[in-house]
């Protein structure tokens, strides 16, 4: 199993939900977060000063636990659904999940994902 984590622009939740479920994901968790990337939170490229302060911008963090077999498809679908070609489109990464337990039923492993 894989944990797919995506940091995307606010307002992209519906697009991500549609893309992820179409790719086979069965659920996700979305959290409002704030952060900055390579452009230090600036929306347009600018000449960097020696001590330029970073602007912390609102983002969405979306986490999905998916079977290994569909992880690449889910990542690709999410990336396609949120890409505008602009600064701040986001980042997606995957991590290995060692164990999952569905609390309600006690199911473990892939059946609980």
N, C-alpha and C. Protein backbone atom coordinates (compact mmCIF):
# COMPACT_ATOMS: atom_id res chain seq x y z
N UNK A 1 0.84 -1.17 0.00
CA UNK A 1 0.00 0.00 0.00
C UNK A 1 0.88 1.24 0.00
N UNK A 2 0.33 2.31 -0.54
CA UNK A 2 1.04 3.58 -0.62
C UNK A 2 0.19 4.69 -0.03
N UNK A 3 0.87 5.63 0.61
CA UNK A 3 0.25 6.88 1.02
C UNK A 3 0.59 7.90 -0.04
N UNK A 4 -0.41 8.42 -0.72
CA UNK A 4 -0.21 9.47 -1.71
C UNK A 4 -0.57 10.78 -1.02
N UNK A 5 0.38 11.72 -1.01
CA UNK A 5 0.15 13.02 -0.40
C UNK A 5 0.32 14.08 -1.48
N UNK A 6 -0.67 14.94 -1.59
CA UNK A 6 -0.64 16.02 -2.57
C UNK A 6 -0.83 17.35 -1.86
N UNK A 7 0.01 18.31 -2.20
CA UNK A 7 -0.16 19.68 -1.74
C UNK A 7 -0.58 20.47 -2.98
N UNK A 8 -1.77 21.05 -2.93
CA UNK A 8 -2.33 21.72 -4.11
C UNK A 8 -2.93 23.07 -3.73
N UNK A 9 -3.24 23.85 -4.75
CA UNK A 9 -3.86 25.15 -4.54
C UNK A 9 -5.26 24.98 -3.93
N UNK A 10 -5.68 25.93 -3.11
CA UNK A 10 -7.05 25.88 -2.57
C UNK A 10 -8.05 25.90 -3.73
N UNK A 11 -9.19 25.30 -3.51
CA UNK A 11 -10.20 25.28 -4.55
C UNK A 11 -10.09 24.11 -5.50
N UNK A 12 -9.10 23.24 -5.30
CA UNK A 12 -8.88 22.10 -6.20
C UNK A 12 -9.41 20.78 -5.63
N UNK A 13 -10.07 20.84 -4.48
CA UNK A 13 -10.50 19.60 -3.83
C UNK A 13 -11.45 18.79 -4.70
N UNK A 14 -12.45 19.42 -5.28
CA UNK A 14 -13.40 18.68 -6.12
C UNK A 14 -12.70 18.03 -7.31
N UNK A 15 -11.75 18.74 -7.92
CA UNK A 15 -11.01 18.18 -9.05
C UNK A 15 -10.20 16.95 -8.62
N UNK A 16 -9.54 17.07 -7.45
CA UNK A 16 -8.75 15.95 -6.95
C UNK A 16 -9.64 14.78 -6.58
N UNK A 17 -10.76 15.03 -5.92
CA UNK A 17 -11.67 13.95 -5.55
C UNK A 17 -12.14 13.19 -6.78
N UNK A 18 -12.54 13.90 -7.80
CA UNK A 18 -13.03 13.27 -9.03
C UNK A 18 -11.92 12.46 -9.69
N UNK A 19 -10.74 13.05 -9.82
CA UNK A 19 -9.63 12.37 -10.48
C UNK A 19 -9.19 11.13 -9.71
N UNK A 20 -9.08 11.25 -8.39
CA UNK A 20 -8.61 10.13 -7.58
C UNK A 20 -9.61 8.98 -7.59
N UNK A 21 -10.89 9.28 -7.45
CA UNK A 21 -11.87 8.19 -7.46
C UNK A 21 -11.99 7.56 -8.84
N UNK A 22 -11.86 8.36 -9.89
CA UNK A 22 -11.87 7.79 -11.25
C UNK A 22 -10.67 6.86 -11.46
N UNK A 23 -9.56 7.11 -10.75
CA UNK A 23 -8.36 6.28 -10.86
C UNK A 23 -8.40 5.08 -9.92
N UNK A 24 -9.46 4.97 -9.10
CA UNK A 24 -9.61 3.80 -8.25
C UNK A 24 -9.49 4.02 -6.76
N UNK A 25 -9.18 5.24 -6.31
CA UNK A 25 -9.09 5.50 -4.87
C UNK A 25 -10.48 5.44 -4.25
N UNK A 26 -10.53 5.01 -2.98
CA UNK A 26 -11.83 4.87 -2.32
C UNK A 26 -12.06 5.88 -1.20
N UNK A 27 -11.13 6.75 -0.95
CA UNK A 27 -11.32 7.76 0.09
C UNK A 27 -10.10 8.64 0.19
N UNK A 28 -10.26 9.76 0.88
CA UNK A 28 -9.14 10.67 1.07
C UNK A 28 -9.39 11.53 2.30
N UNK A 29 -8.35 12.19 2.74
CA UNK A 29 -8.43 13.16 3.82
C UNK A 29 -7.87 14.47 3.30
N UNK A 30 -8.59 15.56 3.52
CA UNK A 30 -8.14 16.88 3.07
C UNK A 30 -7.97 17.79 4.28
N UNK A 31 -6.87 18.51 4.29
CA UNK A 31 -6.55 19.42 5.38
C UNK A 31 -6.12 20.76 4.81
N UNK A 32 -6.63 21.85 5.37
CA UNK A 32 -6.16 23.17 4.97
C UNK A 32 -4.83 23.42 5.67
N UNK A 33 -3.82 23.77 4.87
CA UNK A 33 -2.47 24.02 5.40
C UNK A 33 -1.95 25.32 4.80
N UNK A 34 -0.78 25.74 5.27
CA UNK A 34 -0.12 26.93 4.74
C UNK A 34 1.35 26.58 4.51
N UNK A 35 1.94 27.15 3.45
CA UNK A 35 3.33 26.86 3.21
C UNK A 35 3.88 27.65 2.04
N UNK A 36 5.13 27.34 1.69
CA UNK A 36 5.76 27.96 0.52
C UNK A 36 6.73 26.97 -0.09
N UNK A 37 7.04 27.21 -1.36
CA UNK A 37 7.96 26.34 -2.09
C UNK A 37 9.14 27.14 -2.61
N UNK A 38 9.60 26.78 -3.79
CA UNK A 38 10.81 27.37 -4.35
C UNK A 38 10.72 28.88 -4.55
N UNK A 39 9.52 29.39 -4.78
CA UNK A 39 9.38 30.83 -5.01
C UNK A 39 9.11 31.58 -3.71
N UNK A 40 9.28 30.93 -2.58
CA UNK A 40 9.09 31.56 -1.27
C UNK A 40 7.70 32.15 -1.11
N UNK A 41 6.72 31.54 -1.76
CA UNK A 41 5.35 31.99 -1.59
C UNK A 41 4.95 33.15 -2.47
N UNK A 42 5.86 33.67 -3.29
CA UNK A 42 5.52 34.78 -4.17
C UNK A 42 4.79 34.23 -5.39
N UNK A 43 3.72 34.89 -5.77
CA UNK A 43 2.90 34.42 -6.87
C UNK A 43 3.55 34.67 -8.23
N UNK A 44 4.35 35.69 -8.35
CA UNK A 44 5.04 36.00 -9.60
C UNK A 44 6.54 36.01 -9.35
N UNK A 45 7.33 35.54 -10.31
CA UNK A 45 8.79 35.59 -10.12
C UNK A 45 9.25 37.04 -9.95
N UNK A 46 10.21 37.24 -9.09
CA UNK A 46 10.74 38.58 -8.89
C UNK A 46 12.24 38.48 -8.66
N UNK A 47 12.90 39.60 -8.73
CA UNK A 47 14.32 39.63 -8.43
C UNK A 47 14.47 39.42 -6.93
N UNK A 48 15.24 38.41 -6.55
CA UNK A 48 15.40 38.09 -5.13
C UNK A 48 16.37 39.05 -4.47
N UNK A 49 15.97 39.52 -3.32
CA UNK A 49 16.86 40.34 -2.52
C UNK A 49 17.61 39.39 -1.60
N UNK A 50 18.66 39.87 -0.98
CA UNK A 50 19.48 39.02 -0.13
C UNK A 50 18.67 38.43 1.01
N UNK A 51 17.80 39.22 1.62
CA UNK A 51 17.03 38.74 2.76
C UNK A 51 15.54 38.84 2.48
N UNK A 52 15.08 38.18 1.45
CA UNK A 52 13.67 38.21 1.09
C UNK A 52 12.89 37.31 2.04
N UNK A 53 11.80 37.81 2.58
CA UNK A 53 10.98 37.00 3.48
C UNK A 53 10.06 36.09 2.68
N UNK A 54 9.83 34.91 3.20
CA UNK A 54 8.90 33.98 2.56
C UNK A 54 7.48 34.35 2.91
N UNK A 55 6.59 34.26 1.94
CA UNK A 55 5.16 34.44 2.18
C UNK A 55 4.55 33.05 2.32
N UNK A 56 3.81 32.84 3.38
CA UNK A 56 3.20 31.54 3.62
C UNK A 56 1.79 31.59 3.04
N UNK A 57 1.56 30.76 2.01
CA UNK A 57 0.30 30.79 1.27
C UNK A 57 -0.62 29.63 1.67
N UNK A 58 -1.93 29.83 1.55
CA UNK A 58 -2.87 28.74 1.84
C UNK A 58 -2.77 27.65 0.77
N UNK A 59 -2.82 26.41 1.22
CA UNK A 59 -2.78 25.24 0.34
C UNK A 59 -3.72 24.18 0.90
N UNK A 60 -3.94 23.13 0.14
CA UNK A 60 -4.66 21.95 0.62
C UNK A 60 -3.68 20.78 0.65
N UNK A 61 -3.71 20.01 1.73
CA UNK A 61 -2.96 18.75 1.79
C UNK A 61 -3.99 17.64 1.68
N UNK A 62 -3.78 16.77 0.72
CA UNK A 62 -4.70 15.66 0.48
C UNK A 62 -3.93 14.37 0.63
N UNK A 63 -4.42 13.48 1.50
CA UNK A 63 -3.78 12.18 1.75
C UNK A 63 -4.72 11.07 1.34
N UNK A 64 -4.18 10.07 0.64
CA UNK A 64 -4.94 8.90 0.23
C UNK A 64 -4.10 7.66 0.46
N UNK A 65 -4.67 6.61 1.01
CA UNK A 65 -4.00 5.32 1.10
C UNK A 65 -4.60 4.44 0.01
N UNK A 66 -3.72 3.96 -0.88
CA UNK A 66 -4.19 3.20 -2.04
C UNK A 66 -3.34 1.95 -2.23
N UNK A 67 -3.88 0.94 -2.92
CA UNK A 67 -3.07 -0.24 -3.24
C UNK A 67 -1.89 0.14 -4.13
N UNK A 68 -0.79 -0.59 -3.99
CA UNK A 68 0.40 -0.33 -4.80
C UNK A 68 0.09 -0.26 -6.29
N UNK A 69 -0.81 -1.13 -6.75
CA UNK A 69 -1.09 -1.26 -8.18
C UNK A 69 -1.69 0.00 -8.79
N UNK A 70 -2.37 0.82 -8.01
CA UNK A 70 -3.00 2.01 -8.59
C UNK A 70 -2.32 3.31 -8.16
N UNK A 71 -1.27 3.23 -7.37
CA UNK A 71 -0.63 4.45 -6.85
C UNK A 71 -0.16 5.37 -7.98
N UNK A 72 0.51 4.83 -8.98
CA UNK A 72 1.00 5.68 -10.08
C UNK A 72 -0.16 6.31 -10.85
N UNK A 73 -1.23 5.55 -11.06
CA UNK A 73 -2.40 6.09 -11.76
C UNK A 73 -3.05 7.21 -10.96
N UNK A 74 -3.13 7.04 -9.65
CA UNK A 74 -3.72 8.08 -8.79
C UNK A 74 -2.87 9.33 -8.82
N UNK A 75 -1.54 9.17 -8.71
CA UNK A 75 -0.64 10.33 -8.77
C UNK A 75 -0.79 11.06 -10.10
N UNK A 76 -0.79 10.31 -11.19
CA UNK A 76 -0.93 10.93 -12.51
C UNK A 76 -2.26 11.64 -12.68
N UNK A 77 -3.33 11.03 -12.19
CA UNK A 77 -4.66 11.65 -12.31
C UNK A 77 -4.75 12.94 -11.50
N UNK A 78 -4.20 12.92 -10.29
CA UNK A 78 -4.22 14.13 -9.47
C UNK A 78 -3.40 15.23 -10.13
N UNK A 79 -2.19 14.88 -10.57
CA UNK A 79 -1.32 15.87 -11.21
C UNK A 79 -2.01 16.51 -12.42
N UNK A 80 -2.62 15.70 -13.22
CA UNK A 80 -3.31 16.21 -14.41
C UNK A 80 -4.47 17.12 -14.02
N UNK A 81 -5.18 16.76 -12.96
CA UNK A 81 -6.38 17.52 -12.59
C UNK A 81 -6.07 18.88 -11.98
N UNK A 82 -4.87 19.06 -11.43
CA UNK A 82 -4.56 20.33 -10.77
C UNK A 82 -3.54 21.18 -11.52
N UNK A 83 -2.95 20.65 -12.56
CA UNK A 83 -1.88 21.37 -13.26
C UNK A 83 -2.44 22.54 -14.07
N UNK A 84 -1.86 23.72 -13.83
CA UNK A 84 -2.18 24.91 -14.63
C UNK A 84 -0.94 25.40 -15.36
N UNK A 85 0.22 24.83 -15.02
CA UNK A 85 1.47 25.30 -15.59
C UNK A 85 2.00 26.55 -14.90
N UNK A 86 1.40 26.90 -13.78
CA UNK A 86 1.79 28.11 -13.06
C UNK A 86 2.56 27.78 -11.79
N UNK A 87 3.27 28.77 -11.29
CA UNK A 87 3.95 28.66 -10.01
C UNK A 87 2.92 28.28 -8.95
N UNK A 88 3.30 27.37 -8.06
CA UNK A 88 2.43 27.02 -6.95
C UNK A 88 1.40 25.94 -7.23
N UNK A 89 1.51 25.25 -8.37
CA UNK A 89 0.56 24.18 -8.67
C UNK A 89 0.60 23.08 -7.62
N UNK A 90 1.75 22.87 -7.00
CA UNK A 90 1.82 21.92 -5.90
C UNK A 90 2.89 20.87 -6.06
N UNK A 91 2.74 19.83 -5.24
CA UNK A 91 3.70 18.74 -5.21
C UNK A 91 2.94 17.49 -4.77
N UNK A 92 3.37 16.34 -5.28
CA UNK A 92 2.76 15.05 -4.92
C UNK A 92 3.89 14.09 -4.61
N UNK A 93 3.74 13.31 -3.54
CA UNK A 93 4.73 12.28 -3.24
C UNK A 93 4.03 11.04 -2.71
N UNK A 94 4.74 9.93 -2.75
CA UNK A 94 4.20 8.68 -2.22
C UNK A 94 5.15 8.15 -1.15
N UNK A 95 4.56 7.44 -0.20
CA UNK A 95 5.31 6.78 0.87
C UNK A 95 4.74 5.38 1.04
N UNK A 96 5.58 4.47 1.47
CA UNK A 96 5.13 3.11 1.73
C UNK A 96 4.36 3.06 3.05
N UNK A 97 3.24 2.35 3.04
CA UNK A 97 2.44 2.16 4.25
C UNK A 97 2.64 0.72 4.72
N UNK A 98 3.10 0.55 5.94
CA UNK A 98 3.36 -0.79 6.47
C UNK A 98 2.11 -1.49 6.99
N UNK A 99 1.19 -0.71 7.53
CA UNK A 99 0.03 -1.33 8.16
C UNK A 99 -1.15 -0.38 8.17
N UNK A 100 -2.35 -0.93 7.96
CA UNK A 100 -3.60 -0.16 8.05
C UNK A 100 -4.61 -1.01 8.80
N UNK A 101 -5.37 -0.37 9.68
CA UNK A 101 -6.45 -1.04 10.40
C UNK A 101 -7.72 -0.22 10.23
N UNK A 102 -8.78 -0.84 9.77
CA UNK A 102 -10.08 -0.17 9.75
C UNK A 102 -10.69 -0.35 11.13
N UNK A 103 -10.82 0.73 11.85
CA UNK A 103 -11.22 0.68 13.26
C UNK A 103 -12.59 0.03 13.43
N UNK A 104 -13.55 0.37 12.60
CA UNK A 104 -14.92 -0.13 12.75
C UNK A 104 -14.99 -1.66 12.69
N UNK A 105 -14.24 -2.26 11.74
CA UNK A 105 -14.37 -3.70 11.51
C UNK A 105 -13.19 -4.52 12.01
N UNK A 106 -12.08 -3.85 12.26
CA UNK A 106 -10.86 -4.57 12.64
C UNK A 106 -10.08 -5.14 11.47
N UNK A 107 -10.57 -4.89 10.23
CA UNK A 107 -9.86 -5.37 9.06
C UNK A 107 -8.46 -4.75 9.02
N UNK A 108 -7.51 -5.53 8.49
CA UNK A 108 -6.13 -5.08 8.40
C UNK A 108 -5.62 -5.24 6.98
N UNK A 109 -4.59 -4.47 6.66
CA UNK A 109 -3.94 -4.60 5.37
C UNK A 109 -4.75 -3.98 4.25
N UNK A 110 -4.58 -4.53 3.02
CA UNK A 110 -5.23 -3.95 1.85
C UNK A 110 -6.76 -3.87 1.94
N UNK A 111 -7.38 -4.79 2.66
CA UNK A 111 -8.84 -4.74 2.80
C UNK A 111 -9.28 -3.54 3.62
N UNK A 112 -8.39 -3.00 4.44
CA UNK A 112 -8.74 -1.86 5.28
C UNK A 112 -8.42 -0.52 4.63
N UNK A 113 -7.68 -0.55 3.53
CA UNK A 113 -7.25 0.71 2.88
C UNK A 113 -8.41 1.44 2.25
